[in-house]
């Protein structure tokens, strides 16, 4: 009967390790996604170049 308890305990620790690894992986992926989103394009504070200003105005 102690074998069953040992296997259950071993399964629990394995589950805990898997949960922890998945949680850390998710945190890392979210951080990477935030990094990419922040550096993917120009920020709202960037001023457009003269070409973009001309292209955006009608009749220009």
N, C-alpha and C. Protein backbone atom coordinates (compact mmCIF):
# COMPACT_ATOMS: atom_id res chain seq x y z
N UNK A 1 0.82 -1.19 0.00
CA UNK A 1 0.00 0.00 0.00
C UNK A 1 0.87 1.26 0.00
N UNK A 2 2.06 1.17 0.50
CA UNK A 2 2.94 2.34 0.48
C UNK A 2 3.40 2.65 -0.94
N UNK A 3 3.45 1.63 -1.81
CA UNK A 3 3.84 1.87 -3.19
C UNK A 3 2.85 2.80 -3.87
N UNK A 4 1.58 2.60 -3.64
CA UNK A 4 0.55 3.47 -4.23
C UNK A 4 0.71 4.90 -3.77
N UNK A 5 1.00 5.10 -2.49
CA UNK A 5 1.20 6.45 -1.97
C UNK A 5 2.44 7.09 -2.56
N UNK A 6 3.51 6.31 -2.72
CA UNK A 6 4.73 6.84 -3.30
C UNK A 6 4.51 7.26 -4.75
N UNK A 7 3.79 6.45 -5.50
CA UNK A 7 3.51 6.78 -6.90
C UNK A 7 2.64 8.02 -6.99
N UNK A 8 1.67 8.13 -6.11
CA UNK A 8 0.81 9.31 -6.10
C UNK A 8 1.63 10.55 -5.78
N UNK A 9 2.48 10.44 -4.79
CA UNK A 9 3.33 11.57 -4.41
C UNK A 9 4.26 11.95 -5.56
N UNK A 10 4.83 10.94 -6.22
CA UNK A 10 5.72 11.20 -7.35
C UNK A 10 4.95 11.86 -8.49
N UNK A 11 3.74 11.42 -8.72
CA UNK A 11 2.90 12.02 -9.75
C UNK A 11 2.55 13.46 -9.41
N UNK A 12 2.32 13.73 -8.14
CA UNK A 12 2.01 15.09 -7.71
C UNK A 12 3.19 16.01 -7.91
N UNK A 13 4.38 15.54 -7.56
CA UNK A 13 5.55 16.39 -7.72
C UNK A 13 5.83 16.62 -9.20
N UNK A 14 5.59 15.62 -10.02
CA UNK A 14 5.76 15.79 -11.46
C UNK A 14 4.77 16.82 -11.98
N UNK A 15 3.52 16.70 -11.54
CA UNK A 15 2.49 17.67 -11.93
C UNK A 15 2.88 19.08 -11.49
N UNK A 16 3.40 19.20 -10.28
CA UNK A 16 3.82 20.51 -9.78
C UNK A 16 4.95 21.08 -10.63
N UNK A 17 5.90 20.22 -11.00
CA UNK A 17 7.01 20.68 -11.84
C UNK A 17 6.50 21.13 -13.20
N UNK A 18 5.57 20.36 -13.78
CA UNK A 18 5.02 20.71 -15.08
C UNK A 18 4.24 22.02 -15.00
N UNK A 19 3.45 22.19 -13.96
CA UNK A 19 2.70 23.43 -13.78
C UNK A 19 3.64 24.62 -13.69
N UNK A 20 4.69 24.45 -12.91
CA UNK A 20 5.66 25.53 -12.72
C UNK A 20 6.36 25.85 -14.04
N UNK A 21 6.75 24.83 -14.77
CA UNK A 21 7.44 25.05 -16.04
C UNK A 21 6.53 25.74 -17.04
N UNK A 22 5.28 25.33 -17.10
CA UNK A 22 4.33 25.97 -18.01
C UNK A 22 4.09 27.42 -17.63
N UNK A 23 3.99 27.68 -16.35
CA UNK A 23 3.76 29.04 -15.86
C UNK A 23 4.94 29.94 -16.24
N UNK A 24 6.16 29.45 -16.03
CA UNK A 24 7.35 30.23 -16.37
C UNK A 24 7.44 30.45 -17.88
N UNK A 25 7.10 29.44 -18.66
CA UNK A 25 7.12 29.56 -20.11
C UNK A 25 6.12 30.63 -20.57
N UNK A 26 4.93 30.62 -19.98
CA UNK A 26 3.92 31.61 -20.34
C UNK A 26 4.39 33.02 -20.01
N UNK A 27 4.99 33.19 -18.84
CA UNK A 27 5.52 34.50 -18.44
C UNK A 27 6.57 34.98 -19.44
N UNK A 28 7.46 34.07 -19.82
CA UNK A 28 8.52 34.41 -20.77
C UNK A 28 7.94 34.79 -22.12
N UNK A 29 6.96 34.03 -22.59
CA UNK A 29 6.34 34.32 -23.89
C UNK A 29 5.60 35.65 -23.87
N UNK A 30 4.92 35.95 -22.76
CA UNK A 30 4.22 37.22 -22.65
C UNK A 30 5.20 38.39 -22.65
N UNK A 31 6.31 38.23 -21.96
CA UNK A 31 7.34 39.28 -21.93
C UNK A 31 7.90 39.50 -23.34
N UNK A 32 8.13 38.41 -24.07
CA UNK A 32 8.64 38.53 -25.43
C UNK A 32 7.62 39.22 -26.33
N UNK A 33 6.35 38.90 -26.17
CA UNK A 33 5.31 39.52 -26.98
C UNK A 33 5.21 41.01 -26.67
N UNK A 34 5.33 41.37 -25.39
CA UNK A 34 5.29 42.79 -25.02
C UNK A 34 6.48 43.52 -25.63
N UNK A 35 7.65 42.87 -25.62
CA UNK A 35 8.85 43.45 -26.20
C UNK A 35 8.67 43.68 -27.69
N UNK A 36 8.15 42.69 -28.38
CA UNK A 36 7.94 42.81 -29.82
C UNK A 36 6.93 43.89 -30.14
N UNK A 37 5.86 43.95 -29.37
CA UNK A 37 4.82 44.95 -29.60
C UNK A 37 5.38 46.35 -29.39
N UNK A 38 6.29 46.50 -28.46
CA UNK A 38 6.87 47.80 -28.18
C UNK A 38 7.86 48.25 -29.23
N UNK A 39 8.50 47.32 -29.90
CA UNK A 39 9.52 47.68 -30.88
C UNK A 39 9.09 47.38 -32.31
N UNK A 40 7.86 46.94 -32.52
CA UNK A 40 7.42 46.52 -33.84
C UNK A 40 7.30 47.68 -34.81
N UNK A 41 6.78 48.80 -34.37
CA UNK A 41 6.58 49.91 -35.28
C UNK A 41 6.89 51.22 -34.60
N UNK A 42 6.69 52.30 -35.34
CA UNK A 42 6.96 53.61 -34.74
C UNK A 42 5.97 53.90 -33.62
N UNK A 43 6.46 54.56 -32.61
CA UNK A 43 5.57 54.90 -31.50
C UNK A 43 4.75 56.12 -31.87
N UNK A 44 3.78 56.43 -31.08
CA UNK A 44 2.91 57.57 -31.34
C UNK A 44 3.68 58.88 -31.17
N UNK A 45 4.77 58.87 -30.45
CA UNK A 45 5.55 60.07 -30.21
C UNK A 45 6.45 60.43 -31.38
N UNK A 46 6.70 59.46 -32.27
CA UNK A 46 7.57 59.72 -33.41
C UNK A 46 6.89 60.67 -34.39
N UNK A 47 7.66 61.61 -34.93
CA UNK A 47 7.12 62.53 -35.91
C UNK A 47 7.24 61.89 -37.29
N UNK A 48 6.24 62.04 -38.14
CA UNK A 48 6.33 61.47 -39.48
C UNK A 48 7.36 62.22 -40.31
N UNK A 49 7.94 61.53 -41.27
CA UNK A 49 8.90 62.19 -42.15
C UNK A 49 8.14 63.09 -43.11
N UNK A 50 8.86 63.91 -43.86
CA UNK A 50 8.20 64.82 -44.79
C UNK A 50 7.44 64.06 -45.86
N UNK A 51 7.93 62.91 -46.27
CA UNK A 51 7.23 62.11 -47.26
C UNK A 51 5.88 61.66 -46.74
N UNK A 52 5.82 61.24 -45.49
CA UNK A 52 4.57 60.80 -44.90
C UNK A 52 3.61 61.96 -44.74
N UNK A 53 4.11 63.14 -44.43
CA UNK A 53 3.24 64.31 -44.30
C UNK A 53 2.62 64.65 -45.63
N UNK A 54 3.42 64.64 -46.71
CA UNK A 54 2.92 64.97 -48.04
C UNK A 54 1.93 63.92 -48.51
N UNK A 55 2.24 62.66 -48.28
CA UNK A 55 1.37 61.57 -48.73
C UNK A 55 0.03 61.61 -48.01
N UNK A 56 0.00 62.09 -46.79
CA UNK A 56 -1.22 62.11 -46.00
C UNK A 56 -2.14 63.28 -46.30
N UNK A 57 -1.64 64.32 -47.00
CA UNK A 57 -2.46 65.51 -47.29
C UNK A 57 -3.07 65.40 -48.68
N UNK A 58 -4.36 65.68 -48.79
CA UNK A 58 -4.99 65.67 -50.12
C UNK A 58 -4.52 66.86 -50.95
N UNK A 59 -4.33 66.63 -52.21
CA UNK A 59 -3.93 67.71 -53.12
C UNK A 59 -2.48 68.06 -53.00
N UNK A 60 -1.67 67.25 -52.31
CA UNK A 60 -0.27 67.57 -52.09
C UNK A 60 0.60 66.92 -53.03
